[in-house]
């Protein structure tokens, strides 16, 4: 009877154990990608639940890690020296920033880099100026400091410093929704947030944002995806980082149009 009672108590104790939760907060640029990676990770780690909450931006994710509110942050840029000491970044992928058009802009598959500047400066305002339909073009922009916008400011001549005439959005999910739901829109997004939507990723100056072109350096508009921890990651956080570098995870990353770091380095 005593042994039976002990076994019953042990059973009750084990049934009451809840899964450990790992929260990964930060940018919306890799939000959907990390949610799918989290689902795959949980299948191999039944004792851990991974939450990827809605975007608070790269800066917000880095701040949350530095303050100890979350164990992992997600970022589409490197940690700045002025942000916090003791943070460790894990660079896991290279993501192309692509220019996208709503499918209603029929016939437009390529855009010249000079035309991008003209769109945001207000000099191109109709799709027929791009060999598309005769309809007003609605441009979507991001705020100063956004990771994708920062890439264009550095890599696209004439983009930095221009007075944008486009409607500005303050999160990647909001920009995705605007571009996906409204006809005749044009904008730029990380490829990871374009796949599985109805938007068209355009070639730029005739160059496709393919893994081959990214690896060879022919496609210049790219950013990094990082996981951030306070000190070296341990426990479930380290397990997740290790998983992201595994072959099953790298296949998921490639399916989102993103290049795993090992692929680029190899």
C-alpha atoms as a PDB file:
ATOM      1  CA  UNK A   1       0.000   0.000   0.000  1.00  0.00           C
ATOM      2  CA  UNK A   2       2.814   2.402   0.906  1.00  0.00           C
ATOM      3  CA  UNK A   3       4.580   1.737  -2.423  1.00  0.00           C
ATOM      4  CA  UNK A   4       1.302   2.198  -4.300  1.00  0.00           C
ATOM      5  CA  UNK A   5       0.664   5.507  -2.521  1.00  0.00           C
ATOM      6  CA  UNK A   6       4.139   6.750  -3.367  1.00  0.00           C
ATOM      7  CA  UNK A   7       3.641   5.833  -7.026  1.00  0.00           C
ATOM      8  CA  UNK A   8       0.318   7.688  -7.075  1.00  0.00           C
ATOM      9  CA  UNK A   9       1.920  10.792  -5.563  1.00  0.00           C
ATOM     10  CA  UNK A  10       4.743  10.635  -8.082  1.00  0.00           C
ATOM     11  CA  UNK A  11       2.251  10.298 -10.934  1.00  0.00           C
ATOM     12  CA  UNK A  12       0.271  13.308  -9.728  1.00  0.00           C
ATOM     13  CA  UNK A  13       3.462  15.313  -9.321  1.00  0.00           C
ATOM     14  CA  UNK A  14       4.629  14.523 -12.837  1.00  0.00           C
ATOM     15  CA  UNK A  15       1.239  15.313 -14.372  1.00  0.00           C
ATOM     16  CA  UNK A  16       1.340  18.730 -12.737  1.00  0.00           C
ATOM     17  CA  UNK A  17       4.689  19.695 -14.275  1.00  0.00           C
ATOM     18  CA  UNK A  18       4.151  22.398 -16.888  1.00  0.00           C
ATOM     19  CA  UNK A  19       6.314  22.852 -19.956  1.00  0.00           C
ATOM     20  CA  UNK A  20       9.031  25.476 -19.757  1.00  0.00           C
ATOM     21  CA  UNK A  21       8.287  28.524 -21.899  1.00  0.00           C
ATOM     22  CA  UNK A  22      10.903  30.249 -24.049  1.00  0.00           C
ATOM     23  CA  UNK A  23       9.836  33.673 -25.324  1.00  0.00           C
ATOM     24  CA  UNK A  24      11.625  35.123 -28.366  1.00  0.00           C
ATOM     25  CA  UNK A  25      10.732  38.814 -28.708  1.00  0.00           C
ATOM     26  CA  UNK A  26      11.748  41.379 -31.303  1.00  0.00           C
ATOM     27  CA  UNK A  27      11.558  42.176 -35.002  1.00  0.00           C
ATOM     28  CA  UNK A  28       8.679  41.408 -37.320  1.00  0.00           C
ATOM     29  CA  UNK A  29      11.129  40.761 -40.174  1.00  0.00           C
ATOM     30  CA  UNK A  30      11.555  37.105 -39.226  1.00  0.00           C
ATOM     31  CA  UNK A  31       8.398  36.676 -37.150  1.00  0.00           C
ATOM     32  CA  UNK A  32       6.652  34.117 -39.391  1.00  0.00           C
ATOM     33  CA  UNK A  33       9.883  32.228 -40.034  1.00  0.00           C
ATOM     34  CA  UNK A  34      10.643  31.888 -36.324  1.00  0.00           C
ATOM     35  CA  UNK A  35       7.095  30.806 -35.549  1.00  0.00           C
ATOM     36  CA  UNK A  36       7.471  27.916 -37.960  1.00  0.00           C
ATOM     37  CA  UNK A  37      10.915  27.091 -36.545  1.00  0.00           C
ATOM     38  CA  UNK A  38       9.389  27.171 -33.043  1.00  0.00           C
ATOM     39  CA  UNK A  39       6.724  24.656 -34.056  1.00  0.00           C
ATOM     40  CA  UNK A  40       9.362  22.323 -35.514  1.00  0.00           C
ATOM     41  CA  UNK A  41      11.537  22.733 -32.389  1.00  0.00           C
ATOM     42  CA  UNK A  42       8.659  21.853 -30.039  1.00  0.00           C
ATOM     43  CA  UNK A  43       8.132  18.542 -31.857  1.00  0.00           C
ATOM     44  CA  UNK A  44      11.663  17.527 -30.863  1.00  0.00           C
ATOM     45  CA  UNK A  45      11.569  19.104 -27.369  1.00  0.00           C
ATOM     46  CA  UNK A  46       8.278  18.141 -25.745  1.00  0.00           C
ATOM     47  CA  UNK A  47       9.160  19.840 -22.440  1.00  0.00           C
ATOM     48  CA  UNK A  48       9.535  23.311 -23.968  1.00  0.00           C
ATOM     49  CA  UNK A  49       6.969  25.753 -25.350  1.00  0.00           C
ATOM     50  CA  UNK A  50       8.339  28.485 -27.619  1.00  0.00           C
ATOM     51  CA  UNK A  51       6.414  31.736 -27.958  1.00  0.00           C
ATOM     52  CA  UNK A  52       7.141  34.224 -30.748  1.00  0.00           C
ATOM     53  CA  UNK A  53       4.968  37.237 -29.855  1.00  0.00           C
ATOM     54  CA  UNK A  54       3.981  40.028 -32.232  1.00  0.00           C
ATOM     55  CA  UNK A  55       6.695  42.451 -33.276  1.00  0.00           C
ATOM     56  CA  UNK A  56       8.216  45.021 -30.946  1.00  0.00           C
ATOM     57  CA  UNK A  57      11.043  45.733 -33.411  1.00  0.00           C
ATOM     58  CA  UNK A  58      14.709  44.780 -33.303  1.00  0.00           C
ATOM     59  CA  UNK A  59      15.409  47.569 -30.815  1.00  0.00           C
ATOM     60  CA  UNK A  60      12.562  46.424 -28.565  1.00  0.00           C
ATOM     61  CA  UNK A  61      13.770  42.820 -28.621  1.00  0.00           C
ATOM     62  CA  UNK A  62      17.325  43.834 -27.755  1.00  0.00           C
ATOM     63  CA  UNK A  63      16.066  46.003 -24.885  1.00  0.00           C
ATOM     64  CA  UNK A  64      13.889  43.182 -23.563  1.00  0.00           C
ATOM     65  CA  UNK A  65      16.859  40.794 -23.471  1.00  0.00           C
ATOM     66  CA  UNK A  66      19.139  43.385 -21.843  1.00  0.00           C
ATOM     67  CA  UNK A  67      16.525  44.016 -19.143  1.00  0.00           C
ATOM     68  CA  UNK A  68      16.091  40.298 -18.484  1.00  0.00           C
ATOM     69  CA  UNK A  69      12.425  40.258 -19.517  1.00  0.00           C
ATOM     70  CA  UNK A  70      13.028  37.530 -22.148  1.00  0.00           C
ATOM     71  CA  UNK A  71      15.779  34.976 -22.654  1.00  0.00           C
ATOM     72  CA  UNK A  72      16.075  35.428 -26.410  1.00  0.00           C
ATOM     73  CA  UNK A  73      15.545  38.397 -28.706  1.00  0.00           C
ATOM     74  CA  UNK A  74      15.149  38.363 -32.466  1.00  0.00           C
ATOM     75  CA  UNK A  75      16.758  41.079 -34.552  1.00  0.00           C
ATOM     76  CA  UNK A  76      17.256  42.037 -38.196  1.00  0.00           C
ATOM     77  CA  UNK A  77      20.454  43.925 -37.392  1.00  0.00           C
ATOM     78  CA  UNK A  78      23.511  43.642 -35.190  1.00  0.00           C
ATOM     79  CA  UNK A  79      23.546  44.909 -31.618  1.00  0.00           C
ATOM     80  CA  UNK A  80      24.929  48.441 -31.466  1.00  0.00           C
ATOM     81  CA  UNK A  81      27.870  49.086 -29.101  1.00  0.00           C
ATOM     82  CA  UNK A  82      25.784  51.724 -27.313  1.00  0.00           C
ATOM     83  CA  UNK A  83      22.822  49.421 -26.597  1.00  0.00           C
ATOM     84  CA  UNK A  84      24.062  47.105 -23.872  1.00  0.00           C
ATOM     85  CA  UNK A  85      27.112  45.241 -22.642  1.00  0.00           C
ATOM     86  CA  UNK A  86      27.156  41.499 -22.213  1.00  0.00           C
ATOM     87  CA  UNK A  87      24.764  40.703 -25.056  1.00  0.00           C
ATOM     88  CA  UNK A  88      25.687  37.838 -27.368  1.00  0.00           C
ATOM     89  CA  UNK A  89      24.357  37.665 -30.915  1.00  0.00           C
ATOM     90  CA  UNK A  90      23.911  34.491 -32.934  1.00  0.00           C
ATOM     91  CA  UNK A  91      23.876  35.226 -36.663  1.00  0.00           C
ATOM     92  CA  UNK A  92      21.806  32.504 -38.299  1.00  0.00           C
ATOM     93  CA  UNK A  93      20.677  33.785 -41.724  1.00  0.00           C
ATOM     94  CA  UNK A  94      21.031  36.326 -44.536  1.00  0.00           C
ATOM     95  CA  UNK A  95      17.714  37.757 -45.751  1.00  0.00           C
ATOM     96  CA  UNK A  96      17.177  39.666 -48.997  1.00  0.00           C
ATOM     97  CA  UNK A  97      15.170  42.890 -48.881  1.00  0.00           C
ATOM     98  CA  UNK A  98      12.889  42.714 -51.915  1.00  0.00           C
ATOM     99  CA  UNK A  99      10.705  45.226 -53.711  1.00  0.00           C
ATOM    100  CA  UNK A 100       7.164  43.946 -54.011  1.00  0.00           C
ATOM    101  CA  UNK A 101       4.066  44.789 -56.000  1.00  0.00           C
ATOM    102  CA  UNK A 102       0.450  43.829 -55.452  1.00  0.00           C
ATOM    103  CA  UNK A 103      -0.674  41.340 -58.153  1.00  0.00           C
ATOM    104  CA  UNK A 104      -3.018  44.015 -59.523  1.00  0.00           C
ATOM    105  CA  UNK A 105       0.065  45.715 -61.010  1.00  0.00           C
ATOM    106  CA  UNK A 106      -0.034  43.342 -63.974  1.00  0.00           C
ATOM    107  CA  UNK A 107       2.937  43.170 -66.301  1.00  0.00           C
ATOM    108  CA  UNK A 108       5.469  44.606 -63.851  1.00  0.00           C
ATOM    109  CA  UNK A 109       8.164  42.053 -63.001  1.00  0.00           C
ATOM    110  CA  UNK A 110      11.333  44.157 -62.864  1.00  0.00           C
ATOM    111  CA  UNK A 111      12.188  47.592 -61.509  1.00  0.00           C
ATOM    112  CA  UNK A 112      15.298  49.680 -61.938  1.00  0.00           C
ATOM    113  CA  UNK A 113      16.991  50.951 -58.808  1.00  0.00           C
ATOM    114  CA  UNK A 114      16.693  54.505 -60.119  1.00  0.00           C
ATOM    115  CA  UNK A 115      12.934  54.001 -60.466  1.00  0.00           C
ATOM    116  CA  UNK A 116      12.695  52.991 -56.804  1.00  0.00           C
ATOM    117  CA  UNK A 117      14.173  56.344 -55.823  1.00  0.00           C
ATOM    118  CA  UNK A 118      11.788  58.121 -58.204  1.00  0.00           C
ATOM    119  CA  UNK A 119       8.794  56.352 -56.649  1.00  0.00           C
ATOM    120  CA  UNK A 120       9.636  57.434 -53.110  1.00  0.00           C
ATOM    121  CA  UNK A 121      10.535  60.940 -54.263  1.00  0.00           C
ATOM    122  CA  UNK A 122       7.109  61.213 -55.912  1.00  0.00           C
ATOM    123  CA  UNK A 123       8.398  61.469 -59.483  1.00  0.00           C
ATOM    124  CA  UNK A 124       6.762  58.144 -60.408  1.00  0.00           C
ATOM    125  CA  UNK A 125       3.155  58.016 -59.270  1.00  0.00           C
ATOM    126  CA  UNK A 126       1.420  55.807 -61.842  1.00  0.00           C
ATOM    127  CA  UNK A 127       2.042  52.169 -62.733  1.00  0.00           C
ATOM    128  CA  UNK A 128       2.014  52.998 -66.454  1.00  0.00           C
ATOM    129  CA  UNK A 129       5.354  54.758 -65.901  1.00  0.00           C
ATOM    130  CA  UNK A 130       6.697  51.262 -65.137  1.00  0.00           C
ATOM    131  CA  UNK A 131       4.999  49.597 -68.132  1.00  0.00           C
ATOM    132  CA  UNK A 132       2.130  48.525 -65.903  1.00  0.00           C
ATOM    133  CA  UNK A 133      -1.585  49.385 -65.862  1.00  0.00           C
ATOM    134  CA  UNK A 134      -2.804  52.960 -66.016  1.00  0.00           C
ATOM    135  CA  UNK A 135      -3.516  53.372 -62.312  1.00  0.00           C
ATOM    136  CA  UNK A 136      -2.148  55.377 -59.431  1.00  0.00           C
ATOM    137  CA  UNK A 137       0.758  53.751 -57.594  1.00  0.00           C
ATOM    138  CA  UNK A 138       0.476  53.652 -53.790  1.00  0.00           C
ATOM    139  CA  UNK A 139       3.917  53.415 -52.162  1.00  0.00           C
ATOM    140  CA  UNK A 140       4.498  51.928 -48.709  1.00  0.00           C
ATOM    141  CA  UNK A 141       7.519  53.092 -46.704  1.00  0.00           C
ATOM    142  CA  UNK A 142       9.029  52.301 -43.319  1.00  0.00           C
ATOM    143  CA  UNK A 143      10.177  54.586 -40.516  1.00  0.00           C
ATOM    144  CA  UNK A 144      13.717  55.861 -40.092  1.00  0.00           C
ATOM    145  CA  UNK A 145      15.799  53.266 -38.261  1.00  0.00           C
ATOM    146  CA  UNK A 146      13.874  50.278 -39.635  1.00  0.00           C
ATOM    147  CA  UNK A 147      16.267  47.472 -40.554  1.00  0.00           C
ATOM    148  CA  UNK A 148      15.114  47.146 -44.172  1.00  0.00           C
ATOM    149  CA  UNK A 149      15.095  50.905 -44.712  1.00  0.00           C
ATOM    150  CA  UNK A 150      18.609  51.151 -43.262  1.00  0.00           C
ATOM    151  CA  UNK A 151      19.843  48.630 -45.830  1.00  0.00           C
ATOM    152  CA  UNK A 152      18.390  50.698 -48.687  1.00  0.00           C
ATOM    153  CA  UNK A 153      19.862  53.900 -47.289  1.00  0.00           C
ATOM    154  CA  UNK A 154      23.308  52.296 -47.361  1.00  0.00           C
ATOM    155  CA  UNK A 155      23.087  50.323 -50.600  1.00  0.00           C
ATOM    156  CA  UNK A 156      20.676  52.179 -52.903  1.00  0.00           C
ATOM    157  CA  UNK A 157      22.164  55.414 -54.332  1.00  0.00           C
ATOM    158  CA  UNK A 158      19.863  58.379 -53.831  1.00  0.00           C
ATOM    159  CA  UNK A 159      17.589  56.706 -51.291  1.00  0.00           C
ATOM    160  CA  UNK A 160      19.216  58.116 -48.178  1.00  0.00           C
ATOM    161  CA  UNK A 161      18.182  61.666 -47.502  1.00  0.00           C
ATOM    162  CA  UNK A 162      15.251  61.812 -49.916  1.00  0.00           C
ATOM    163  CA  UNK A 163      11.982  63.263 -48.666  1.00  0.00           C
ATOM    164  CA  UNK A 164       9.669  60.275 -49.000  1.00  0.00           C
ATOM    165  CA  UNK A 165       6.173  60.913 -50.341  1.00  0.00           C
ATOM    166  CA  UNK A 166       4.994  57.416 -49.379  1.00  0.00           C
ATOM    167  CA  UNK A 167       2.743  56.332 -46.531  1.00  0.00           C
ATOM    168  CA  UNK A 168       4.894  55.247 -43.603  1.00  0.00           C
ATOM    169  CA  UNK A 169       4.309  52.136 -41.481  1.00  0.00           C
ATOM    170  CA  UNK A 170       5.932  51.378 -38.153  1.00  0.00           C
ATOM    171  CA  UNK A 171       6.033  47.578 -38.120  1.00  0.00           C
ATOM    172  CA  UNK A 172       6.725  44.884 -40.688  1.00  0.00           C
ATOM    173  CA  UNK A 173       3.384  43.084 -40.103  1.00  0.00           C
ATOM    174  CA  UNK A 174       1.503  46.355 -40.711  1.00  0.00           C
ATOM    175  CA  UNK A 175       3.458  46.980 -43.921  1.00  0.00           C
ATOM    176  CA  UNK A 176       2.788  43.391 -45.044  1.00  0.00           C
ATOM    177  CA  UNK A 177      -0.938  43.814 -44.417  1.00  0.00           C
ATOM    178  CA  UNK A 178      -1.083  47.092 -46.361  1.00  0.00           C
ATOM    179  CA  UNK A 179       0.782  45.666 -49.340  1.00  0.00           C
ATOM    180  CA  UNK A 180      -1.097  42.380 -49.376  1.00  0.00           C
ATOM    181  CA  UNK A 181      -4.600  43.749 -48.906  1.00  0.00           C
ATOM    182  CA  UNK A 182      -4.617  46.892 -51.056  1.00  0.00           C
ATOM    183  CA  UNK A 183      -4.426  46.933 -54.835  1.00  0.00           C
ATOM    184  CA  UNK A 184      -1.770  48.820 -56.797  1.00  0.00           C
ATOM    185  CA  UNK A 185       0.608  49.063 -53.839  1.00  0.00           C
ATOM    186  CA  UNK A 186       4.404  48.983 -53.981  1.00  0.00           C
ATOM    187  CA  UNK A 187       6.937  48.609 -51.184  1.00  0.00           C
ATOM    188  CA  UNK A 188       9.888  46.727 -49.767  1.00  0.00           C
ATOM    189  CA  UNK A 189      10.057  43.858 -47.263  1.00  0.00           C
ATOM    190  CA  UNK A 190      12.374  41.071 -46.125  1.00  0.00           C
ATOM    191  CA  UNK A 191      11.739  38.055 -48.345  1.00  0.00           C
ATOM    192  CA  UNK A 192      10.839  35.964 -45.287  1.00  0.00           C
ATOM    193  CA  UNK A 193       7.640  38.021 -44.907  1.00  0.00           C
ATOM    194  CA  UNK A 194       6.750  37.893 -48.605  1.00  0.00           C
ATOM    195  CA  UNK A 195       6.616  34.133 -49.183  1.00  0.00           C
ATOM    196  CA  UNK A 196       3.191  32.573 -48.672  1.00  0.00           C
ATOM    197  CA  UNK A 197       1.472  35.846 -49.566  1.00  0.00           C
ATOM    198  CA  UNK A 198       0.004  37.013 -52.849  1.00  0.00           C
ATOM    199  CA  UNK A 199       2.635  39.697 -53.386  1.00  0.00           C
ATOM    200  CA  UNK A 200       5.089  39.666 -56.304  1.00  0.00           C
ATOM    201  CA  UNK A 201       8.786  39.999 -55.535  1.00  0.00           C
ATOM    202  CA  UNK A 202      10.314  42.019 -58.385  1.00  0.00           C
ATOM    203  CA  UNK A 203      13.763  41.637 -59.842  1.00  0.00           C
ATOM    204  CA  UNK A 204      15.921  44.764 -59.423  1.00  0.00           C
ATOM    205  CA  UNK A 205      18.021  45.914 -62.376  1.00  0.00           C
ATOM    206  CA  UNK A 206      17.281  42.464 -63.792  1.00  0.00           C
ATOM    207  CA  UNK A 207      18.736  40.630 -60.779  1.00  0.00           C
ATOM    208  CA  UNK A 208      16.638  38.150 -58.817  1.00  0.00           C
ATOM    209  CA  UNK A 209      16.964  37.869 -55.025  1.00  0.00           C
ATOM    210  CA  UNK A 210      17.929  34.210 -55.293  1.00  0.00           C
ATOM    211  CA  UNK A 211      20.173  32.276 -52.931  1.00  0.00           C
ATOM    212  CA  UNK A 212      22.744  31.964 -55.721  1.00  0.00           C
ATOM    213  CA  UNK A 213      22.821  35.718 -56.362  1.00  0.00           C
ATOM    214  CA  UNK A 214      22.937  36.519 -52.637  1.00  0.00           C
ATOM    215  CA  UNK A 215      25.797  34.097 -52.051  1.00  0.00           C
ATOM    216  CA  UNK A 216      27.737  35.496 -55.016  1.00  0.00           C
ATOM    217  CA  UNK A 217      27.158  39.079 -53.875  1.00  0.00           C
ATOM    218  CA  UNK A 218      25.232  40.013 -57.021  1.00  0.00           C
ATOM    219  CA  UNK A 219      22.092  40.970 -55.082  1.00  0.00           C
ATOM    220  CA  UNK A 220      23.149  43.806 -52.749  1.00  0.00           C
ATOM    221  CA  UNK A 221      20.058  44.446 -50.616  1.00  0.00           C
ATOM    222  CA  UNK A 222      20.428  42.002 -47.748  1.00  0.00           C
ATOM    223  CA  UNK A 223      20.232  42.056 -43.984  1.00  0.00           C
ATOM    224  CA  UNK A 224      21.175  39.638 -41.219  1.00  0.00           C
ATOM    225  CA  UNK A 225      18.864  37.696 -38.912  1.00  0.00           C
ATOM    226  CA  UNK A 226      20.108  37.320 -35.330  1.00  0.00           C
ATOM    227  CA  UNK A 227      19.095  35.706 -32.071  1.00  0.00           C
ATOM    228  CA  UNK A 228      20.262  37.696 -29.034  1.00  0.00           C
ATOM    229  CA  UNK A 229      20.935  36.473 -25.492  1.00  0.00           C
ATOM    230  CA  UNK A 230      22.244  38.082 -22.324  1.00  0.00           C
ATOM    231  CA  UNK A 231      25.523  36.281 -21.887  1.00  0.00           C
ATOM    232  CA  UNK A 232      26.054  32.896 -23.473  1.00  0.00           C
ATOM    233  CA  UNK A 233      22.744  31.126 -24.057  1.00  0.00           C
ATOM    234  CA  UNK A 234      21.967  28.183 -21.797  1.00  0.00           C
ATOM    235  CA  UNK A 235      19.144  25.685 -21.328  1.00  0.00           C
ATOM    236  CA  UNK A 236      16.211  25.868 -23.784  1.00  0.00           C
ATOM    237  CA  UNK A 237      17.597  29.062 -25.323  1.00  0.00           C
ATOM    238  CA  UNK A 238      20.815  27.263 -26.289  1.00  0.00           C
ATOM    239  CA  UNK A 239      18.834  24.240 -27.456  1.00  0.00           C
ATOM    240  CA  UNK A 240      16.785  26.463 -29.757  1.00  0.00           C
ATOM    241  CA  UNK A 241      19.869  28.194 -31.175  1.00  0.00           C
ATOM    242  CA  UNK A 242      21.458  24.801 -31.814  1.00  0.00           C
ATOM    243  CA  UNK A 243      18.267  23.629 -33.520  1.00  0.00           C
ATOM    244  CA  UNK A 244      18.234  26.665 -35.832  1.00  0.00           C
ATOM    245  CA  UNK A 245      21.617  25.515 -37.123  1.00  0.00           C
ATOM    246  CA  UNK A 246      20.392  21.978 -37.829  1.00  0.00           C
ATOM    247  CA  UNK A 247      19.603  20.660 -41.303  1.00  0.00           C
ATOM    248  CA  UNK A 248      15.815  20.410 -40.739  1.00  0.00           C
ATOM    249  CA  UNK A 249      15.771  24.043 -39.586  1.00  0.00           C
ATOM    250  CA  UNK A 250      17.956  25.208 -42.475  1.00  0.00           C
ATOM    251  CA  UNK A 251      15.496  23.638 -44.914  1.00  0.00           C
ATOM    252  CA  UNK A 252      12.700  25.711 -43.356  1.00  0.00           C
ATOM    253  CA  UNK A 253      14.890  28.815 -43.578  1.00  0.00           C
ATOM    254  CA  UNK A 254      15.605  28.209 -47.267  1.00  0.00           C
ATOM    255  CA  UNK A 255      11.899  27.686 -47.972  1.00  0.00           C
ATOM    256  CA  UNK A 256      11.354  31.267 -46.761  1.00  0.00           C
ATOM    257  CA  UNK A 257      13.795  32.605 -49.358  1.00  0.00           C
ATOM    258  CA  UNK A 258      16.481  33.188 -46.734  1.00  0.00           C
ATOM    259  CA  UNK A 259      20.071  31.907 -46.823  1.00  0.00           C
ATOM    260  CA  UNK A 260      21.427  30.074 -43.755  1.00  0.00           C
ATOM    261  CA  UNK A 261      24.768  31.543 -42.687  1.00  0.00           C
ATOM    262  CA  UNK A 262      26.550  28.212 -43.214  1.00  0.00           C
ATOM    263  CA  UNK A 263      25.346  28.135 -46.849  1.00  0.00           C
ATOM    264  CA  UNK A 264      26.806  31.567 -47.507  1.00  0.00           C
ATOM    265  CA  UNK A 265      30.074  30.797 -45.726  1.00  0.00           C
ATOM    266  CA  UNK A 266      30.393  27.476 -47.501  1.00  0.00           C
END
